[in-house]
Amino acid sequence: MVFPPSYFLFLFTLILGSMISISSTSWFGAWVGLELNLMSFIPLIALKMNPFFSESALKYFLVQALGSVIFISSSFMFISFPTFSLLVIFLSLLLKLGGAPLHFWFPQVMEGLKWPQIFFLSTIQKLAPLTLISYLMTNEVMINITIFSAILSALIGSLSGLNLTLLRKIIAFSSINHLSWMLVAISISDTSWIIYFTIYSVILLSITSIFHKLQTFSLSSLIQSDQNSNLHSIIISLNFLSLSGLPPMTGFIPKWIIIQVMLKLNLLIPLFFLLLAALITLYFYLRIIISMIILFNPILNFNMKYKSLTASPSSLFFKTSFNFIGIFLPIYFIFI
């Protein structure tokens, strides 16, 4: 099992904390939900007495505790200094999300986690802070600051992912890059970022479940995995293409929605940086895909035994089928 049965209580309180933050009518209630969410995630990180898990849990706790202190302190100043209070609340939530320029902790924490925890950290743990940020979009200043942070996250998430071979760090910087699209979508409308967040979560679930099954954490171990096959390499490649947002994969659908809206609002400069960052992320995904394809070719591969196309369980196709919706059903034509 991914988690022992006794840990499902923490999973329940983890989701409950997010729900409390989202549905709260005050900043204090939102803070209580964020604290419950934080204290529920720590035991899920430190499943075993392992120095890597303990280090990641400690780093995550310190950063999130700092963000919570700034959050609750700035909310007290809301009546006297509303604009300054909103700005500091936004920065505290950005720190909790791991968005640029407060992203320093995110790849380091991800480096010490297993794939199920990586999925939770990249999706469920971001739900409450993203929702609270959407509540802050009350004036032009906050919208401009959000878009500026999105541009920084896009550039840092794409450029920092170059020349990496560790899969967890690649997924971490990819998550920072996708966060930039969500921040822009938040400044536009609530529907846009919810669609993007949902599709990104399902795509990341398919990728992390495959990596968890193969128990691989680097590009070399992914290629040399005994459980790997040509079928796995094809499916992993298509998942990466969907994660990068390459048409006609499913990952392109939310990006196309946001691009259409940004063009109508004349947000051309932010759109330029987002598309530039998307091309850079596509480049380092293609580096992984090309190396996998070459090393699985029996003619070009001299150091590894040939792995024939093996039967794969139906669960593998079920987990990854969502990424192929864009190919078979071009839904995005509806949004033109």
C-alpha atoms as a PDB file:
ATOM      1  CA  MET A   1       0.000   0.000   0.000  1.00  0.00           C
ATOM      2  CA  VAL A   2       1.063   3.607  -0.562  1.00  0.00           C
ATOM      3  CA  PHE A   3       0.127   4.586   3.014  1.00  0.00           C
ATOM      4  CA  PRO A   4      -0.496   2.323   6.036  1.00  0.00           C
ATOM      5  CA  PRO A   5      -4.168   2.083   7.077  1.00  0.00           C
ATOM      6  CA  SER A   6      -3.507   4.145  10.222  1.00  0.00           C
ATOM      7  CA  TYR A   7      -2.424   7.093   8.062  1.00  0.00           C
ATOM      8  CA  PHE A   8      -5.782   7.479   6.345  1.00  0.00           C
ATOM      9  CA  LEU A   9      -6.844   9.622   9.329  1.00  0.00           C
ATOM     10  CA  PHE A  10      -4.124  12.094   8.345  1.00  0.00           C
ATOM     11  CA  LEU A  11      -5.318  11.989   4.738  1.00  0.00           C
ATOM     12  CA  PHE A  12      -8.816  12.855   5.917  1.00  0.00           C
ATOM     13  CA  THR A  13      -7.652  15.766   8.085  1.00  0.00           C
ATOM     14  CA  LEU A  14      -5.391  16.914   5.230  1.00  0.00           C
ATOM     15  CA  ILE A  15      -8.367  17.338   2.898  1.00  0.00           C
ATOM     16  CA  LEU A  16     -10.506  18.678   5.760  1.00  0.00           C
ATOM     17  CA  GLY A  17      -7.948  21.434   6.423  1.00  0.00           C
ATOM     18  CA  SER A  18      -8.082  22.526   2.799  1.00  0.00           C
ATOM     19  CA  MET A  19     -11.880  22.547   2.862  1.00  0.00           C
ATOM     20  CA  ILE A  20     -11.899  24.657   6.045  1.00  0.00           C
ATOM     21  CA  SER A  21      -9.553  27.225   4.461  1.00  0.00           C
ATOM     22  CA  ILE A  22     -11.568  27.420   1.240  1.00  0.00           C
ATOM     23  CA  SER A  23     -14.955  27.771   2.955  1.00  0.00           C
ATOM     24  CA  SER A  24     -13.828  30.093   5.755  1.00  0.00           C
ATOM     25  CA  THR A  25     -15.384  33.566   6.063  1.00  0.00           C
ATOM     26  CA  SER A  26     -12.393  35.075   7.920  1.00  0.00           C
ATOM     27  CA  TRP A  27      -8.616  35.068   7.650  1.00  0.00           C
ATOM     28  CA  PHE A  28      -8.396  33.400  11.070  1.00  0.00           C
ATOM     29  CA  GLY A  29     -10.542  30.482   9.880  1.00  0.00           C
ATOM     30  CA  ALA A  30      -8.396  30.195   6.765  1.00  0.00           C
ATOM     31  CA  TRP A  31      -5.279  30.125   8.962  1.00  0.00           C
ATOM     32  CA  VAL A  32      -6.764  27.343  11.126  1.00  0.00           C
ATOM     33  CA  GLY A  33      -7.435  25.265   8.010  1.00  0.00           C
ATOM     34  CA  LEU A  34      -3.891  25.843   6.707  1.00  0.00           C
ATOM     35  CA  GLU A  35      -2.426  24.762  10.076  1.00  0.00           C
ATOM     36  CA  LEU A  36      -4.536  21.602  10.145  1.00  0.00           C
ATOM     37  CA  ASN A  37      -3.430  20.884   6.596  1.00  0.00           C
ATOM     38  CA  LEU A  38       0.234  21.406   7.534  1.00  0.00           C
ATOM     39  CA  MET A  39       0.167  19.214  10.644  1.00  0.00           C
ATOM     40  CA  SER A  40      -1.600  16.435   8.715  1.00  0.00           C
ATOM     41  CA  PHE A  41       0.973  16.385   5.914  1.00  0.00           C
ATOM     42  CA  ILE A  42       4.046  16.090   8.165  1.00  0.00           C
ATOM     43  CA  PRO A  43       3.269  12.466   9.267  1.00  0.00           C
ATOM     44  CA  LEU A  44       2.594  11.535   5.626  1.00  0.00           C
ATOM     45  CA  ILE A  45       6.127  12.688   4.726  1.00  0.00           C
ATOM     46  CA  ALA A  46       7.922  10.983   7.610  1.00  0.00           C
ATOM     47  CA  LEU A  47       6.505   7.498   7.036  1.00  0.00           C
ATOM     48  CA  LYS A  48       9.764   5.805   8.015  1.00  0.00           C
ATOM     49  CA  MET A  49      12.732   6.681  10.227  1.00  0.00           C
ATOM     50  CA  ASN A  50      14.764   7.801   7.241  1.00  0.00           C
ATOM     51  CA  PRO A  51      17.129  10.828   7.273  1.00  0.00           C
ATOM     52  CA  PHE A  52      15.890  11.985   3.843  1.00  0.00           C
ATOM     53  CA  PHE A  53      12.241  11.898   4.928  1.00  0.00           C
ATOM     54  CA  SER A  54      13.059  13.598   8.235  1.00  0.00           C
ATOM     55  CA  GLU A  55      15.045  16.353   6.504  1.00  0.00           C
ATOM     56  CA  SER A  56      12.241  17.015   4.013  1.00  0.00           C
ATOM     57  CA  ALA A  57       9.645  17.022   6.798  1.00  0.00           C
ATOM     58  CA  LEU A  58      11.700  19.514   8.853  1.00  0.00           C
ATOM     59  CA  LYS A  59      12.289  21.828   5.870  1.00  0.00           C
ATOM     60  CA  TYR A  60       8.624  21.694   4.935  1.00  0.00           C
ATOM     61  CA  PHE A  61       7.516  22.393   8.507  1.00  0.00           C
ATOM     62  CA  LEU A  62       9.858  25.382   8.966  1.00  0.00           C
ATOM     63  CA  VAL A  63       8.890  27.020   5.676  1.00  0.00           C
ATOM     64  CA  GLN A  64       5.161  26.444   6.147  1.00  0.00           C
ATOM     65  CA  ALA A  65       5.328  27.636   9.773  1.00  0.00           C
ATOM     66  CA  LEU A  66       7.061  30.824   8.599  1.00  0.00           C
ATOM     67  CA  GLY A  67       4.368  31.325   5.970  1.00  0.00           C
ATOM     68  CA  SER A  68       1.626  30.773   8.553  1.00  0.00           C
ATOM     69  CA  VAL A  69       3.174  33.287  10.980  1.00  0.00           C
ATOM     70  CA  ILE A  70       3.399  35.942   8.246  1.00  0.00           C
ATOM     71  CA  PHE A  71      -0.145  35.112   7.121  1.00  0.00           C
ATOM     72  CA  ILE A  72      -1.820  35.483  10.511  1.00  0.00           C
ATOM     73  CA  SER A  73       0.296  38.521  11.471  1.00  0.00           C
ATOM     74  CA  SER A  74      -0.518  40.426   8.292  1.00  0.00           C
ATOM     75  CA  SER A  75      -4.219  39.596   8.537  1.00  0.00           C
ATOM     76  CA  PHE A  76      -4.327  41.504  11.860  1.00  0.00           C
ATOM     77  CA  MET A  77      -3.266  44.674   9.997  1.00  0.00           C
ATOM     78  CA  PHE A  78      -6.030  44.424   7.408  1.00  0.00           C
ATOM     79  CA  ILE A  79      -8.281  47.042   9.033  1.00  0.00           C
ATOM     80  CA  SER A  80      -5.537  49.664   9.433  1.00  0.00           C
ATOM     81  CA  PHE A  81      -3.443  48.980   6.294  1.00  0.00           C
ATOM     82  CA  PRO A  82      -5.613  47.035   3.823  1.00  0.00           C
ATOM     83  CA  THR A  83      -3.370  47.319   0.728  1.00  0.00           C
ATOM     84  CA  PHE A  84      -0.146  46.473   2.572  1.00  0.00           C
ATOM     85  CA  SER A  85      -1.883  43.639   4.426  1.00  0.00           C
ATOM     86  CA  LEU A  86      -3.137  42.103   1.169  1.00  0.00           C
ATOM     87  CA  LEU A  87       0.366  42.280  -0.307  1.00  0.00           C
ATOM     88  CA  VAL A  88       1.965  40.517   2.679  1.00  0.00           C
ATOM     89  CA  ILE A  89      -0.807  37.897   2.748  1.00  0.00           C
ATOM     90  CA  PHE A  90      -0.144  37.250  -0.945  1.00  0.00           C
ATOM     91  CA  LEU A  91       3.599  36.814  -0.287  1.00  0.00           C
ATOM     92  CA  SER A  92       2.923  34.402   2.594  1.00  0.00           C
ATOM     93  CA  LEU A  93       0.629  32.308   0.384  1.00  0.00           C
ATOM     94  CA  LEU A  94       3.210  32.435  -2.417  1.00  0.00           C
ATOM     95  CA  LEU A  95       5.781  31.095   0.058  1.00  0.00           C
ATOM     96  CA  LYS A  96       3.432  28.245   0.946  1.00  0.00           C
ATOM     97  CA  LEU A  97       2.902  27.478  -2.749  1.00  0.00           C
ATOM     98  CA  GLY A  98       6.592  27.533  -3.631  1.00  0.00           C
ATOM     99  CA  GLY A  99       6.144  30.160  -6.321  1.00  0.00           C
ATOM    100  CA  ALA A 100       8.937  32.456  -7.508  1.00  0.00           C
ATOM    101  CA  PRO A 101      10.693  34.365  -6.028  1.00  0.00           C
ATOM    102  CA  LEU A 102       9.940  32.323  -2.871  1.00  0.00           C
ATOM    103  CA  HIS A 103      10.502  28.932  -4.503  1.00  0.00           C
ATOM    104  CA  PHE A 104      13.847  28.069  -2.891  1.00  0.00           C
ATOM    105  CA  TRP A 105      12.491  25.337  -0.616  1.00  0.00           C
ATOM    106  CA  PHE A 106      10.264  23.496  -3.074  1.00  0.00           C
ATOM    107  CA  PRO A 107      12.822  21.419  -5.094  1.00  0.00           C
ATOM    108  CA  GLN A 108      14.793  20.589  -1.922  1.00  0.00           C
ATOM    109  CA  VAL A 109      11.722  19.219  -0.153  1.00  0.00           C
ATOM    110  CA  MET A 110      10.633  17.286  -3.264  1.00  0.00           C
ATOM    111  CA  GLU A 111      14.081  15.672  -3.482  1.00  0.00           C
ATOM    112  CA  GLY A 112      13.467  13.736  -0.258  1.00  0.00           C
ATOM    113  CA  LEU A 113       9.912  12.518  -0.938  1.00  0.00           C
ATOM    114  CA  LYS A 114       8.397   9.463  -2.554  1.00  0.00           C
ATOM    115  CA  TRP A 115       6.086   9.768  -5.545  1.00  0.00           C
ATOM    116  CA  PRO A 116       2.714   9.675  -3.687  1.00  0.00           C
ATOM    117  CA  GLN A 117       3.875  12.494  -1.377  1.00  0.00           C
ATOM    118  CA  ILE A 118       5.160  14.419  -4.412  1.00  0.00           C
ATOM    119  CA  PHE A 119       1.694  14.201  -5.951  1.00  0.00           C
ATOM    120  CA  PHE A 120       0.054  15.496  -2.758  1.00  0.00           C
ATOM    121  CA  LEU A 121       2.588  18.326  -2.399  1.00  0.00           C
ATOM    122  CA  SER A 122       2.126  19.432  -6.025  1.00  0.00           C
ATOM    123  CA  THR A 123      -1.674  19.291  -6.094  1.00  0.00           C
ATOM    124  CA  ILE A 124      -3.742  19.018  -2.893  1.00  0.00           C
ATOM    125  CA  GLN A 125      -1.353  21.131  -0.823  1.00  0.00           C
ATOM    126  CA  LYS A 126      -1.685  23.956  -3.361  1.00  0.00           C
ATOM    127  CA  LEU A 127      -5.479  23.953  -3.486  1.00  0.00           C
ATOM    128  CA  ALA A 128      -6.136  26.061  -0.364  1.00  0.00           C
ATOM    129  CA  PRO A 129      -3.398  28.713  -0.968  1.00  0.00           C
ATOM    130  CA  LEU A 130      -4.469  29.121  -4.609  1.00  0.00           C
ATOM    131  CA  THR A 131      -8.092  29.583  -3.557  1.00  0.00           C
ATOM    132  CA  LEU A 132      -7.094  32.153  -0.926  1.00  0.00           C
ATOM    133  CA  ILE A 133      -5.020  34.023  -3.541  1.00  0.00           C
ATOM    134  CA  SER A 134      -8.101  34.162  -5.765  1.00  0.00           C
ATOM    135  CA  TYR A 135      -9.889  35.990  -2.909  1.00  0.00           C
ATOM    136  CA  LEU A 136      -7.163  38.678  -2.986  1.00  0.00           C
ATOM    137  CA  MET A 137      -7.850  39.728  -6.592  1.00  0.00           C
ATOM    138  CA  THR A 138      -9.783  42.823  -5.513  1.00  0.00           C
ATOM    139  CA  ASN A 139      -7.786  45.632  -7.144  1.00  0.00           C
ATOM    140  CA  GLU A 140      -5.451  46.368 -10.038  1.00  0.00           C
ATOM    141  CA  VAL A 141      -2.324  46.347  -7.871  1.00  0.00           C
ATOM    142  CA  MET A 142      -2.821  42.771  -6.658  1.00  0.00           C
ATOM    143  CA  ILE A 143      -3.575  41.566 -10.194  1.00  0.00           C
ATOM    144  CA  ASN A 144      -0.360  43.142 -11.532  1.00  0.00           C
ATOM    145  CA  ILE A 145       1.724  41.670  -8.700  1.00  0.00           C
ATOM    146  CA  THR A 146       0.207  38.231  -9.353  1.00  0.00           C
ATOM    147  CA  ILE A 147       1.026  38.445 -13.067  1.00  0.00           C
ATOM    148  CA  PHE A 148       4.599  39.578 -12.274  1.00  0.00           C
ATOM    149  CA  SER A 149       5.036  36.606  -9.919  1.00  0.00           C
ATOM    150  CA  ALA A 150       3.637  34.333 -12.641  1.00  0.00           C
ATOM    151  CA  ILE A 151       6.248  35.588 -15.140  1.00  0.00           C
ATOM    152  CA  LEU A 152       9.035  34.969 -12.610  1.00  0.00           C
ATOM    153  CA  SER A 153       7.718  31.476 -11.844  1.00  0.00           C
ATOM    154  CA  ALA A 154       7.521  30.650 -15.558  1.00  0.00           C
ATOM    155  CA  LEU A 155      11.110  31.721 -16.261  1.00  0.00           C
ATOM    156  CA  ILE A 156      12.641  30.165 -13.142  1.00  0.00           C
ATOM    157  CA  GLY A 157      10.659  26.941 -13.477  1.00  0.00           C
ATOM    158  CA  SER A 158      11.749  26.492 -17.102  1.00  0.00           C
ATOM    159  CA  LEU A 159      15.387  27.626 -16.959  1.00  0.00           C
ATOM    160  CA  SER A 160      16.165  25.773 -13.719  1.00  0.00           C
ATOM    161  CA  GLY A 161      14.905  22.497 -15.167  1.00  0.00           C
ATOM    162  CA  LEU A 162      17.557  22.432 -17.897  1.00  0.00           C
ATOM    163  CA  ASN A 163      20.377  19.854 -17.674  1.00  0.00           C
ATOM    164  CA  LEU A 164      18.706  17.928 -14.833  1.00  0.00           C
ATOM    165  CA  THR A 165      18.632  14.131 -14.691  1.00  0.00           C
ATOM    166  CA  LEU A 166      16.814  13.712 -11.352  1.00  0.00           C
ATOM    167  CA  LEU A 167      13.130  13.136 -12.064  1.00  0.00           C
ATOM    168  CA  ARG A 168      11.900  14.589  -8.778  1.00  0.00           C
ATOM    169  CA  LYS A 169      13.654  17.905  -9.405  1.00  0.00           C
ATOM    170  CA  ILE A 170      12.364  17.968 -12.977  1.00  0.00           C
ATOM    171  CA  ILE A 171       8.799  17.490 -11.699  1.00  0.00           C
ATOM    172  CA  ALA A 172       9.431  20.173  -9.022  1.00  0.00           C
ATOM    173  CA  PHE A 173      10.520  22.839 -11.506  1.00  0.00           C
ATOM    174  CA  SER A 174       7.750  21.725 -13.859  1.00  0.00           C
ATOM    175  CA  SER A 175       5.284  22.308 -11.026  1.00  0.00           C
ATOM    176  CA  ILE A 176       6.681  25.831 -10.516  1.00  0.00           C
ATOM    177  CA  ASN A 177       6.236  26.475 -14.231  1.00  0.00           C
ATOM    178  CA  HIS A 178       2.637  25.224 -14.197  1.00  0.00           C
ATOM    179  CA  LEU A 179       2.010  27.385 -11.125  1.00  0.00           C
ATOM    180  CA  SER A 180       2.706  30.438 -13.301  1.00  0.00           C
ATOM    181  CA  TRP A 181      -0.188  29.514 -15.608  1.00  0.00           C
ATOM    182  CA  MET A 182      -2.457  29.021 -12.599  1.00  0.00           C
ATOM    183  CA  LEU A 183      -1.504  32.430 -11.157  1.00  0.00           C
ATOM    184  CA  VAL A 184      -2.310  34.131 -14.465  1.00  0.00           C
ATOM    185  CA  ALA A 185      -5.570  32.175 -14.643  1.00  0.00           C
ATOM    186  CA  ILE A 186      -6.421  33.316 -11.077  1.00  0.00           C
ATOM    187  CA  SER A 187      -5.966  36.962 -12.110  1.00  0.00           C
ATOM    188  CA  ILE A 188      -8.344  36.353 -15.046  1.00  0.00           C
ATOM    189  CA  SER A 189     -11.163  34.196 -13.648  1.00  0.00           C
ATOM    190  CA  ASP A 190     -11.856  31.451 -11.131  1.00  0.00           C
ATOM    191  CA  THR A 191     -13.130  29.006 -13.750  1.00  0.00           C
ATOM    192  CA  SER A 192      -9.869  29.124 -15.738  1.00  0.00           C
ATOM    193  CA  TRP A 193      -7.568  28.174 -12.887  1.00  0.00           C
ATOM    194  CA  ILE A 194      -9.906  25.462 -11.582  1.00  0.00           C
ATOM    195  CA  ILE A 195      -9.937  23.823 -15.037  1.00  0.00           C
ATOM    196  CA  TYR A 196      -6.147  24.112 -15.284  1.00  0.00           C
ATOM    197  CA  PHE A 197      -5.604  22.781 -11.747  1.00  0.00           C
ATOM    198  CA  THR A 198      -7.914  19.794 -12.312  1.00  0.00           C
ATOM    199  CA  ILE A 199      -6.342  18.735 -15.619  1.00  0.00           C
ATOM    200  CA  TYR A 200      -2.801  19.240 -14.268  1.00  0.00           C
ATOM    201  CA  SER A 201      -3.617  17.110 -11.207  1.00  0.00           C
ATOM    202  CA  VAL A 202      -4.895  14.198 -13.311  1.00  0.00           C
ATOM    203  CA  ILE A 203      -1.870  14.335 -15.655  1.00  0.00           C
ATOM    204  CA  LEU A 204       0.547  14.444 -12.720  1.00  0.00           C
ATOM    205  CA  LEU A 205      -1.300  11.531 -11.083  1.00  0.00           C
ATOM    206  CA  SER A 206      -0.702   9.364 -14.146  1.00  0.00           C
ATOM    207  CA  ILE A 207       3.015  10.244 -14.262  1.00  0.00           C
ATOM    208  CA  THR A 208       3.692   9.791 -10.550  1.00  0.00           C
ATOM    209  CA  SER A 209       1.780   6.492 -10.447  1.00  0.00           C
ATOM    210  CA  ILE A 210       3.973   5.086 -13.251  1.00  0.00           C
ATOM    211  CA  PHE A 211       7.171   6.271 -11.558  1.00  0.00           C
ATOM    212  CA  HIS A 212       5.953   4.848  -8.251  1.00  0.00           C
ATOM    213  CA  LYS A 213       5.295   1.497  -9.886  1.00  0.00           C
ATOM    214  CA  LEU A 214       8.773   1.472 -11.459  1.00  0.00           C
ATOM    215  CA  GLN A 215      10.380   2.851  -8.243  1.00  0.00           C
ATOM    216  CA  THR A 216      12.616   5.166 -10.262  1.00  0.00           C
ATOM    217  CA  PHE A 217      13.941   8.583  -9.272  1.00  0.00           C
ATOM    218  CA  SER A 218      16.485   9.439 -11.979  1.00  0.00           C
ATOM    219  CA  LEU A 219      16.668   9.246 -15.748  1.00  0.00           C
ATOM    220  CA  SER A 220      19.301   6.492 -15.691  1.00  0.00           C
ATOM    221  CA  SER A 221      17.278   4.311 -13.296  1.00  0.00           C
ATOM    222  CA  LEU A 222      14.170   4.918 -15.405  1.00  0.00           C
ATOM    223  CA  ILE A 223      15.919   3.614 -18.521  1.00  0.00           C
ATOM    224  CA  GLN A 224      17.572   0.672 -16.752  1.00  0.00           C
ATOM    225  CA  SER A 225      14.487  -0.407 -14.777  1.00  0.00           C
ATOM    226  CA  ASP A 226      13.854  -4.156 -14.961  1.00  0.00           C
ATOM    227  CA  GLN A 227      10.104  -3.567 -15.044  1.00  0.00           C
ATOM    228  CA  ASN A 228      10.398  -1.154 -17.941  1.00  0.00           C
ATOM    229  CA  SER A 229       9.492  -1.973 -21.539  1.00  0.00           C
ATOM    230  CA  ASN A 230       8.966  -0.303 -24.870  1.00  0.00           C
ATOM    231  CA  LEU A 231       5.328   0.190 -23.955  1.00  0.00           C
ATOM    232  CA  HIS A 232       6.301   1.983 -20.750  1.00  0.00           C
ATOM    233  CA  SER A 233       8.690   4.262 -22.630  1.00  0.00           C
ATOM    234  CA  ILE A 234       6.000   5.205 -25.167  1.00  0.00           C
ATOM    235  CA  ILE A 235       3.403   5.898 -22.471  1.00  0.00           C
ATOM    236  CA  ILE A 236       5.859   7.889 -20.325  1.00  0.00           C
ATOM    237  CA  SER A 237       6.872   9.925 -23.395  1.00  0.00           C
ATOM    238  CA  LEU A 238       3.250  10.737 -24.214  1.00  0.00           C
ATOM    239  CA  ASN A 239       2.624  11.686 -20.573  1.00  0.00           C
ATOM    240  CA  PHE A 240       5.565  14.096 -20.656  1.00  0.00           C
ATOM    241  CA  LEU A 241       4.275  15.621 -23.896  1.00  0.00           C
ATOM    242  CA  SER A 242       0.868  16.086 -22.285  1.00  0.00           C
ATOM    243  CA  LEU A 243       2.472  17.652 -19.200  1.00  0.00           C
ATOM    244  CA  SER A 244       4.376  20.084 -21.425  1.00  0.00           C
ATOM    245  CA  GLY A 245       1.130  21.157 -23.092  1.00  0.00           C
ATOM    246  CA  LEU A 246       2.002  20.041 -26.600  1.00  0.00           C
ATOM    247  CA  PRO A 247      -1.047  19.899 -28.903  1.00  0.00           C
ATOM    248  CA  PRO A 248      -3.086  17.805 -29.423  1.00  0.00           C
ATOM    249  CA  MET A 249      -2.483  16.221 -25.989  1.00  0.00           C
ATOM    250  CA  THR A 250      -4.899  16.899 -23.137  1.00  0.00           C
ATOM    251  CA  GLY A 251      -2.422  19.173 -21.349  1.00  0.00           C
ATOM    252  CA  PHE A 252      -2.810  21.697 -24.160  1.00  0.00           C
ATOM    253  CA  ILE A 253      -6.541  22.240 -23.511  1.00  0.00           C
ATOM    254  CA  PRO A 254      -6.254  24.439 -20.350  1.00  0.00           C
ATOM    255  CA  LYS A 255      -3.315  26.348 -21.830  1.00  0.00           C
ATOM    256  CA  TRP A 256      -5.317  27.110 -24.949  1.00  0.00           C
ATOM    257  CA  ILE A 257      -8.211  28.411 -22.835  1.00  0.00           C
ATOM    258  CA  ILE A 258      -5.870  30.758 -20.942  1.00  0.00           C
ATOM    259  CA  ILE A 259      -4.122  31.871 -24.156  1.00  0.00           C
ATOM    260  CA  GLN A 260      -7.473  32.776 -25.738  1.00  0.00           C
ATOM    261  CA  VAL A 261      -8.530  34.816 -22.694  1.00  0.00           C
ATOM    262  CA  MET A 262      -5.138  36.570 -22.413  1.00  0.00           C
ATOM    263  CA  LEU A 263      -5.294  37.562 -26.077  1.00  0.00           C
ATOM    264  CA  LYS A 264      -8.769  39.049 -25.592  1.00  0.00           C
ATOM    265  CA  LEU A 265      -7.493  41.030 -22.554  1.00  0.00           C
ATOM    266  CA  ASN A 266      -4.363  42.202 -24.468  1.00  0.00           C
ATOM    267  CA  LEU A 267      -2.003  40.581 -21.938  1.00  0.00           C
ATOM    268  CA  LEU A 268       0.584  40.112 -24.671  1.00  0.00           C
ATOM    269  CA  ILE A 269       3.787  40.613 -22.656  1.00  0.00           C
ATOM    270  CA  PRO A 270       2.912  38.041 -19.932  1.00  0.00           C
ATOM    271  CA  LEU A 271       1.724  35.658 -22.660  1.00  0.00           C
ATOM    272  CA  PHE A 272       5.065  35.999 -24.461  1.00  0.00           C
ATOM    273  CA  PHE A 273       7.013  34.978 -21.350  1.00  0.00           C
ATOM    274  CA  LEU A 274       4.644  32.101 -20.568  1.00  0.00           C
ATOM    275  CA  LEU A 275       4.910  30.695 -24.091  1.00  0.00           C
ATOM    276  CA  LEU A 276       8.708  31.137 -24.068  1.00  0.00           C
ATOM    277  CA  ALA A 277       8.901  29.214 -20.783  1.00  0.00           C
ATOM    278  CA  ALA A 278       6.588  26.521 -22.181  1.00  0.00           C
ATOM    279  CA  LEU A 279       8.955  26.017 -25.132  1.00  0.00           C
ATOM    280  CA  ILE A 280      11.935  25.682 -22.782  1.00  0.00           C
ATOM    281  CA  THR A 281      10.123  23.094 -20.637  1.00  0.00           C
ATOM    282  CA  LEU A 282       9.173  21.218 -23.804  1.00  0.00           C
ATOM    283  CA  TYR A 283      12.883  21.176 -24.687  1.00  0.00           C
ATOM    284  CA  PHE A 284      13.998  19.429 -21.486  1.00  0.00           C
ATOM    285  CA  TYR A 285      11.066  17.010 -21.706  1.00  0.00           C
ATOM    286  CA  LEU A 286      12.154  16.141 -25.249  1.00  0.00           C
ATOM    287  CA  ARG A 287      15.696  15.497 -23.966  1.00  0.00           C
ATOM    288  CA  ILE A 288      14.284  12.815 -21.675  1.00  0.00           C
ATOM    289  CA  ILE A 289      12.011  11.358 -24.349  1.00  0.00           C
ATOM    290  CA  ILE A 290      14.704  11.193 -27.053  1.00  0.00           C
ATOM    291  CA  SER A 291      17.208   9.522 -24.723  1.00  0.00           C
ATOM    292  CA  MET A 292      14.588   6.944 -23.712  1.00  0.00           C
ATOM    293  CA  ILE A 293      13.672   6.184 -27.322  1.00  0.00           C
ATOM    294  CA  ILE A 294      17.305   5.864 -28.405  1.00  0.00           C
ATOM    295  CA  LEU A 295      18.262   3.575 -25.539  1.00  0.00           C
ATOM    296  CA  PHE A 296      15.267   1.338 -26.155  1.00  0.00           C
ATOM    297  CA  ASN A 297      16.239   0.868 -29.778  1.00  0.00           C
ATOM    298  CA  PRO A 298      18.057  -2.508 -30.025  1.00  0.00           C
ATOM    299  CA  ILE A 299      20.090  -1.328 -33.040  1.00  0.00           C
ATOM    300  CA  LEU A 300      21.499   1.729 -31.257  1.00  0.00           C
ATOM    301  CA  ASN A 301      21.780   0.195 -27.810  1.00  0.00           C
ATOM    302  CA  PHE A 302      24.918  -1.900 -27.156  1.00  0.00           C
ATOM    303  CA  ASN A 303      25.058  -1.934 -23.365  1.00  0.00           C
ATOM    304  CA  MET A 304      21.596  -3.167 -22.473  1.00  0.00           C
ATOM    305  CA  LYS A 305      19.705  -6.270 -23.380  1.00  0.00           C
ATOM    306  CA  TYR A 306      16.771  -5.811 -25.723  1.00  0.00           C
ATOM    307  CA  LYS A 307      13.467  -5.482 -23.927  1.00  0.00           C
ATOM    308  CA  SER A 308      10.599  -6.736 -26.014  1.00  0.00           C
ATOM    309  CA  LEU A 309       7.118  -5.306 -25.940  1.00  0.00           C
ATOM    310  CA  THR A 310       5.569  -6.895 -22.868  1.00  0.00           C
ATOM    311  CA  ALA A 311       1.990  -7.079 -21.758  1.00  0.00           C
ATOM    312  CA  SER A 312       1.012  -4.296 -19.414  1.00  0.00           C
ATOM    313  CA  PRO A 313      -1.826  -4.352 -16.880  1.00  0.00           C
ATOM    314  CA  SER A 314      -4.996  -2.566 -17.868  1.00  0.00           C
ATOM    315  CA  SER A 315      -4.508  -0.172 -14.946  1.00  0.00           C
ATOM    316  CA  LEU A 316      -1.570   1.391 -16.811  1.00  0.00           C
ATOM    317  CA  PHE A 317      -3.824   2.343 -19.729  1.00  0.00           C
ATOM    318  CA  PHE A 318      -6.542   3.509 -17.352  1.00  0.00           C
ATOM    319  CA  LYS A 319      -4.145   5.794 -15.479  1.00  0.00           C
ATOM    320  CA  THR A 320      -2.787   7.371 -18.654  1.00  0.00           C
ATOM    321  CA  SER A 321      -5.910   7.386 -20.840  1.00  0.00           C
ATOM    322  CA  PHE A 322      -6.813  10.912 -19.717  1.00  0.00           C
ATOM    323  CA  ASN A 323      -3.750  12.275 -21.531  1.00  0.00           C
ATOM    324  CA  PHE A 324      -5.051  11.014 -24.877  1.00  0.00           C
ATOM    325  CA  ILE A 325      -8.484  12.652 -24.729  1.00  0.00           C
ATOM    326  CA  GLY A 326      -7.113  15.602 -26.681  1.00  0.00           C
ATOM    327  CA  ILE A 327      -6.028  13.278 -29.511  1.00  0.00           C
ATOM    328  CA  PHE A 328      -9.222  11.289 -29.935  1.00  0.00           C
ATOM    329  CA  LEU A 329     -11.723  13.967 -28.917  1.00  0.00           C
ATOM    330  CA  PRO A 330     -10.518  17.454 -29.909  1.00  0.00           C
ATOM    331  CA  ILE A 331     -12.488  19.177 -27.140  1.00  0.00           C
ATOM    332  CA  TYR A 332     -10.472  22.347 -27.454  1.00  0.00           C
ATOM    333  CA  PHE A 333     -12.262  23.265 -30.682  1.00  0.00           C
ATOM    334  CA  ILE A 334     -15.239  24.121 -28.501  1.00  0.00           C
ATOM    335  CA  PHE A 335     -13.268  26.920 -26.850  1.00  0.00           C
ATOM    336  CA  ILE A 336     -12.227  28.731 -30.043  1.00  0.00           C
END
